[in-house]
Amino acid sequence: MSTAEFHGYVSVQRRGVIALPAELRQRLHLDEPGAQLEVTERPDGVVELRPSLPVPADQAWFWTERWQQREREVDEHVAAGEVTTFDTGEDFLAHVDRLDESS
């Protein structure tokens, strides 16, 4: 986890648009498609901005192109009926044992 912190000023443009510094956007992954900022106005007048990503960072691996390609391959196998189902965990383990014996 990064311990970097930012303190500075940004201008609010006429239509309410603000531009965050590039280093901050990159560190917080706000330069990724779909990134948003959660805005909270506190009673003491402080406006808090929190990064909000469409995919939590700890789940980003699932959405990589390589992983998604593998997911598509599995979907194709399932659609083609190229699957084996097991009634119990013991049946599955017996199948794995047979695969180990044949290799």
N, C-alpha and C. Protein backbone atom coordinates (compact mmCIF):
# COMPACT_ATOMS: atom_id res chain seq x y z
N MET A 1 0.85 -1.17 0.00
CA MET A 1 0.00 0.00 0.00
C MET A 1 0.89 1.24 0.00
N SER A 2 0.51 2.21 -0.79
CA SER A 2 1.29 3.44 -0.90
C SER A 2 1.05 4.33 0.31
N THR A 3 2.12 4.94 0.79
CA THR A 3 1.99 5.90 1.89
C THR A 3 2.05 7.32 1.36
N ALA A 4 2.12 7.47 0.04
CA ALA A 4 2.19 8.80 -0.56
C ALA A 4 0.89 9.55 -0.29
N GLU A 5 1.03 10.82 -0.06
CA GLU A 5 -0.13 11.68 0.14
C GLU A 5 0.03 12.91 -0.72
N PHE A 6 -1.07 13.49 -1.12
CA PHE A 6 -1.04 14.69 -1.94
C PHE A 6 -1.70 15.82 -1.17
N HIS A 7 -1.09 16.97 -1.23
CA HIS A 7 -1.71 18.19 -0.73
C HIS A 7 -1.39 19.28 -1.74
N GLY A 8 -2.39 19.94 -2.19
CA GLY A 8 -2.18 21.01 -3.16
C GLY A 8 -3.51 21.64 -3.50
N TYR A 9 -3.50 22.46 -4.51
CA TYR A 9 -4.70 23.16 -4.94
C TYR A 9 -5.00 22.85 -6.39
N VAL A 10 -6.27 22.74 -6.70
CA VAL A 10 -6.72 22.59 -8.08
C VAL A 10 -7.76 23.66 -8.33
N SER A 11 -7.83 24.11 -9.54
CA SER A 11 -8.81 25.14 -9.91
C SER A 11 -10.14 24.50 -10.24
N VAL A 12 -11.20 25.18 -9.89
CA VAL A 12 -12.53 24.76 -10.27
C VAL A 12 -12.92 25.61 -11.48
N GLN A 13 -13.12 24.94 -12.60
CA GLN A 13 -13.45 25.66 -13.82
C GLN A 13 -14.92 26.03 -13.84
N ARG A 14 -15.29 26.83 -14.79
CA ARG A 14 -16.61 27.43 -14.86
C ARG A 14 -17.75 26.42 -14.68
N ARG A 15 -17.67 25.28 -15.30
CA ARG A 15 -18.76 24.29 -15.22
C ARG A 15 -18.56 23.31 -14.07
N GLY A 16 -17.67 23.63 -13.12
CA GLY A 16 -17.45 22.77 -11.97
C GLY A 16 -16.42 21.69 -12.21
N VAL A 17 -15.72 21.76 -13.32
CA VAL A 17 -14.73 20.74 -13.66
C VAL A 17 -13.43 21.03 -12.91
N ILE A 18 -12.86 19.96 -12.33
CA ILE A 18 -11.54 20.08 -11.72
C ILE A 18 -10.63 19.05 -12.39
N ALA A 19 -9.35 19.36 -12.44
CA ALA A 19 -8.37 18.43 -13.01
C ALA A 19 -7.42 18.00 -11.90
N LEU A 20 -7.35 16.70 -11.66
CA LEU A 20 -6.44 16.17 -10.65
C LEU A 20 -5.06 16.00 -11.27
N PRO A 21 -4.01 16.21 -10.50
CA PRO A 21 -2.65 16.02 -11.02
C PRO A 21 -2.46 14.59 -11.52
N ALA A 22 -1.69 14.44 -12.60
CA ALA A 22 -1.49 13.14 -13.24
C ALA A 22 -0.96 12.09 -12.27
N GLU A 23 0.02 12.46 -11.43
CA GLU A 23 0.60 11.47 -10.50
C GLU A 23 -0.46 10.94 -9.54
N LEU A 24 -1.38 11.78 -9.11
CA LEU A 24 -2.45 11.36 -8.21
C LEU A 24 -3.43 10.45 -8.94
N ARG A 25 -3.82 10.83 -10.16
CA ARG A 25 -4.74 10.00 -10.95
C ARG A 25 -4.15 8.62 -11.18
N GLN A 26 -2.87 8.56 -11.50
CA GLN A 26 -2.23 7.27 -11.78
C GLN A 26 -2.13 6.42 -10.51
N ARG A 27 -1.69 7.01 -9.42
CA ARG A 27 -1.52 6.27 -8.17
C ARG A 27 -2.84 5.70 -7.67
N LEU A 28 -3.93 6.44 -7.87
CA LEU A 28 -5.25 6.01 -7.40
C LEU A 28 -6.04 5.27 -8.48
N HIS A 29 -5.40 5.02 -9.63
CA HIS A 29 -6.02 4.32 -10.76
C HIS A 29 -7.24 5.06 -11.31
N LEU A 30 -7.24 6.37 -11.16
CA LEU A 30 -8.35 7.17 -11.68
C LEU A 30 -8.20 7.45 -13.17
N ASP A 31 -7.10 6.99 -13.76
CA ASP A 31 -6.91 7.15 -15.20
C ASP A 31 -7.43 5.93 -15.96
N GLU A 32 -8.07 4.99 -15.25
CA GLU A 32 -8.61 3.79 -15.87
C GLU A 32 -10.05 4.05 -16.31
N PRO A 33 -10.48 3.37 -17.37
CA PRO A 33 -11.85 3.58 -17.85
C PRO A 33 -12.88 3.28 -16.76
N GLY A 34 -13.86 4.14 -16.66
CA GLY A 34 -14.94 3.93 -15.70
C GLY A 34 -14.67 4.44 -14.30
N ALA A 35 -13.46 4.93 -14.04
CA ALA A 35 -13.15 5.42 -12.69
C ALA A 35 -14.02 6.63 -12.35
N GLN A 36 -14.41 6.69 -11.10
CA GLN A 36 -15.25 7.80 -10.63
C GLN A 36 -14.72 8.27 -9.27
N LEU A 37 -15.19 9.42 -8.86
CA LEU A 37 -14.91 9.92 -7.52
C LEU A 37 -16.22 9.99 -6.75
N GLU A 38 -16.22 9.44 -5.55
CA GLU A 38 -17.36 9.59 -4.65
C GLU A 38 -17.18 10.94 -3.95
N VAL A 39 -18.21 11.75 -3.93
CA VAL A 39 -18.15 13.08 -3.33
C VAL A 39 -19.03 13.11 -2.09
N THR A 40 -18.45 13.54 -0.96
CA THR A 40 -19.20 13.66 0.29
C THR A 40 -18.98 15.05 0.86
N GLU A 41 -20.08 15.75 1.11
CA GLU A 41 -19.99 17.05 1.78
C GLU A 41 -20.27 16.81 3.25
N ARG A 42 -19.29 17.14 4.08
CA ARG A 42 -19.44 16.95 5.53
C ARG A 42 -20.08 18.18 6.16
N PRO A 43 -20.67 18.02 7.34
CA PRO A 43 -21.30 19.16 8.03
C PRO A 43 -20.32 20.29 8.34
N ASP A 44 -19.02 19.96 8.47
CA ASP A 44 -18.04 21.00 8.80
C ASP A 44 -17.55 21.75 7.56
N GLY A 45 -18.17 21.47 6.38
CA GLY A 45 -17.81 22.19 5.17
C GLY A 45 -16.71 21.53 4.34
N VAL A 46 -16.15 20.45 4.83
CA VAL A 46 -15.11 19.75 4.09
C VAL A 46 -15.76 18.91 2.99
N VAL A 47 -15.20 18.96 1.79
CA VAL A 47 -15.65 18.13 0.68
C VAL A 47 -14.63 17.01 0.52
N GLU A 48 -15.08 15.77 0.68
CA GLU A 48 -14.20 14.61 0.55
C GLU A 48 -14.39 13.98 -0.82
N LEU A 49 -13.30 13.61 -1.44
CA LEU A 49 -13.33 12.89 -2.71
C LEU A 49 -12.67 11.53 -2.47
N ARG A 50 -13.38 10.46 -2.82
CA ARG A 50 -12.82 9.11 -2.67
C ARG A 50 -12.84 8.42 -4.02
N PRO A 51 -11.72 7.81 -4.41
CA PRO A 51 -11.71 7.09 -5.68
C PRO A 51 -12.67 5.91 -5.63
N SER A 52 -13.37 5.71 -6.72
CA SER A 52 -14.30 4.59 -6.83
C SER A 52 -14.07 3.95 -8.19
N LEU A 53 -13.56 2.74 -8.18
CA LEU A 53 -13.28 2.04 -9.42
C LEU A 53 -14.42 1.08 -9.72
N PRO A 54 -14.72 0.87 -11.00
CA PRO A 54 -15.80 -0.04 -11.34
C PRO A 54 -15.51 -1.48 -10.91
N VAL A 55 -14.23 -1.81 -10.78
CA VAL A 55 -13.81 -3.14 -10.33
C VAL A 55 -12.87 -2.94 -9.15
N PRO A 56 -13.16 -3.53 -8.00
CA PRO A 56 -12.22 -3.40 -6.88
C PRO A 56 -10.82 -3.88 -7.28
N ALA A 57 -9.81 -3.18 -6.80
CA ALA A 57 -8.43 -3.48 -7.19
C ALA A 57 -8.05 -4.93 -6.94
N ASP A 58 -8.57 -5.53 -5.86
CA ASP A 58 -8.20 -6.91 -5.55
C ASP A 58 -8.90 -7.93 -6.46
N GLN A 59 -9.77 -7.44 -7.35
CA GLN A 59 -10.43 -8.32 -8.31
C GLN A 59 -10.06 -8.00 -9.75
N ALA A 60 -9.15 -7.06 -9.93
CA ALA A 60 -8.79 -6.62 -11.28
C ALA A 60 -8.20 -7.74 -12.12
N TRP A 61 -7.51 -8.70 -11.49
CA TRP A 61 -6.92 -9.81 -12.23
C TRP A 61 -7.96 -10.54 -13.07
N PHE A 62 -9.19 -10.64 -12.55
CA PHE A 62 -10.23 -11.38 -13.24
C PHE A 62 -10.59 -10.72 -14.57
N TRP A 63 -10.42 -9.42 -14.65
CA TRP A 63 -10.84 -8.67 -15.83
C TRP A 63 -9.71 -8.42 -16.82
N THR A 64 -8.54 -9.02 -16.57
CA THR A 64 -7.44 -8.89 -17.54
C THR A 64 -7.85 -9.64 -18.81
N GLU A 65 -7.30 -9.23 -19.94
CA GLU A 65 -7.65 -9.87 -21.21
C GLU A 65 -7.31 -11.36 -21.19
N ARG A 66 -6.17 -11.72 -20.62
CA ARG A 66 -5.76 -13.13 -20.57
C ARG A 66 -6.79 -13.97 -19.80
N TRP A 67 -7.21 -13.48 -18.64
CA TRP A 67 -8.17 -14.24 -17.84
C TRP A 67 -9.52 -14.32 -18.55
N GLN A 68 -9.94 -13.22 -19.15
CA GLN A 68 -11.22 -13.22 -19.86
C GLN A 68 -11.20 -14.17 -21.05
N GLN A 69 -10.06 -14.29 -21.73
CA GLN A 69 -9.94 -15.25 -22.82
C GLN A 69 -10.14 -16.67 -22.29
N ARG A 70 -9.55 -16.96 -21.15
CA ARG A 70 -9.72 -18.28 -20.55
C ARG A 70 -11.19 -18.52 -20.17
N GLU A 71 -11.84 -17.48 -19.65
CA GLU A 71 -13.26 -17.61 -19.31
C GLU A 71 -14.09 -17.92 -20.56
N ARG A 72 -13.77 -17.27 -21.68
CA ARG A 72 -14.49 -17.53 -22.93
C ARG A 72 -14.27 -18.97 -23.39
N GLU A 73 -13.02 -19.46 -23.23
CA GLU A 73 -12.72 -20.85 -23.61
C GLU A 73 -13.55 -21.83 -22.78
N VAL A 74 -13.65 -21.57 -21.49
CA VAL A 74 -14.46 -22.43 -20.63
C VAL A 74 -15.92 -22.38 -21.07
N ASP A 75 -16.43 -21.19 -21.36
CA ASP A 75 -17.82 -21.07 -21.82
C ASP A 75 -18.05 -21.88 -23.09
N GLU A 76 -17.07 -21.87 -23.99
CA GLU A 76 -17.20 -22.65 -25.23
C GLU A 76 -17.25 -24.15 -24.92
N HIS A 77 -16.40 -24.61 -24.01
CA HIS A 77 -16.41 -26.03 -23.63
C HIS A 77 -17.76 -26.42 -23.00
N VAL A 78 -18.26 -25.57 -22.14
CA VAL A 78 -19.55 -25.86 -21.49
C VAL A 78 -20.66 -25.90 -22.54
N ALA A 79 -20.66 -24.91 -23.44
CA ALA A 79 -21.70 -24.87 -24.48
C ALA A 79 -21.65 -26.10 -25.38
N ALA A 80 -20.44 -26.63 -25.60
CA ALA A 80 -20.28 -27.80 -26.46
C ALA A 80 -20.52 -29.11 -25.69
N GLY A 81 -20.81 -29.01 -24.41
CA GLY A 81 -21.06 -30.20 -23.61
C GLY A 81 -19.80 -30.94 -23.22
N GLU A 82 -18.67 -30.29 -23.34
CA GLU A 82 -17.38 -30.91 -23.03
C GLU A 82 -17.04 -30.72 -21.55
N VAL A 83 -17.91 -31.24 -20.71
CA VAL A 83 -17.72 -31.11 -19.27
C VAL A 83 -18.02 -32.44 -18.59
N THR A 84 -17.49 -32.60 -17.41
CA THR A 84 -17.77 -33.78 -16.60
C THR A 84 -18.31 -33.27 -15.26
N THR A 85 -19.39 -33.84 -14.82
CA THR A 85 -19.96 -33.45 -13.52
C THR A 85 -19.82 -34.62 -12.55
N PHE A 86 -19.81 -34.29 -11.28
CA PHE A 86 -19.65 -35.29 -10.23
C PHE A 86 -20.71 -35.05 -9.17
N ASP A 87 -21.23 -36.15 -8.64
CA ASP A 87 -22.26 -36.05 -7.61
C ASP A 87 -21.68 -35.70 -6.25
N THR A 88 -20.46 -36.16 -6.01
CA THR A 88 -19.86 -35.91 -4.69
C THR A 88 -18.40 -35.51 -4.85
N GLY A 89 -17.86 -34.95 -3.80
CA GLY A 89 -16.44 -34.62 -3.79
C GLY A 89 -15.58 -35.87 -3.91
N GLU A 90 -16.06 -36.97 -3.35
CA GLU A 90 -15.31 -38.23 -3.44
C GLU A 90 -15.22 -38.69 -4.89
N ASP A 91 -16.32 -38.55 -5.63
CA ASP A 91 -16.30 -38.93 -7.05
C ASP A 91 -15.28 -38.09 -7.82
N PHE A 92 -15.26 -36.80 -7.52
CA PHE A 92 -14.29 -35.92 -8.18
C PHE A 92 -12.87 -36.34 -7.86
N LEU A 93 -12.58 -36.60 -6.58
CA LEU A 93 -11.22 -36.99 -6.18
C LEU A 93 -10.82 -38.31 -6.82
N ALA A 94 -11.75 -39.25 -6.95
CA ALA A 94 -11.46 -40.53 -7.61
C ALA A 94 -11.10 -40.29 -9.08
N HIS A 95 -11.81 -39.37 -9.73
CA HIS A 95 -11.52 -39.02 -11.11
C HIS A 95 -10.12 -38.43 -11.23
N VAL A 96 -9.76 -37.52 -10.33
CA VAL A 96 -8.43 -36.91 -10.34
C VAL A 96 -7.36 -37.98 -10.14
N ASP A 97 -7.62 -38.92 -9.24
CA ASP A 97 -6.66 -40.03 -9.02
C ASP A 97 -6.47 -40.83 -10.30
N ARG A 98 -7.56 -41.12 -11.01
CA ARG A 98 -7.45 -41.87 -12.26
C ARG A 98 -6.65 -41.08 -13.30
N LEU A 99 -6.84 -39.77 -13.34
CA LEU A 99 -6.06 -38.95 -14.27
C LEU A 99 -4.58 -38.99 -13.92
N ASP A 100 -4.26 -38.94 -12.62
CA ASP A 100 -2.86 -39.02 -12.18
C ASP A 100 -2.24 -40.35 -12.59
N GLU A 101 -3.01 -41.43 -12.47
CA GLU A 101 -2.49 -42.77 -12.79
C GLU A 101 -2.21 -42.92 -14.28
N SER A 102 -3.02 -42.25 -15.09
CA SER A 102 -2.86 -42.40 -16.55
C SER A 102 -1.77 -41.49 -17.13
N SER A 103 -1.26 -40.57 -16.35
CA SER A 103 -0.23 -39.66 -16.90
C SER A 103 1.17 -40.08 -16.53
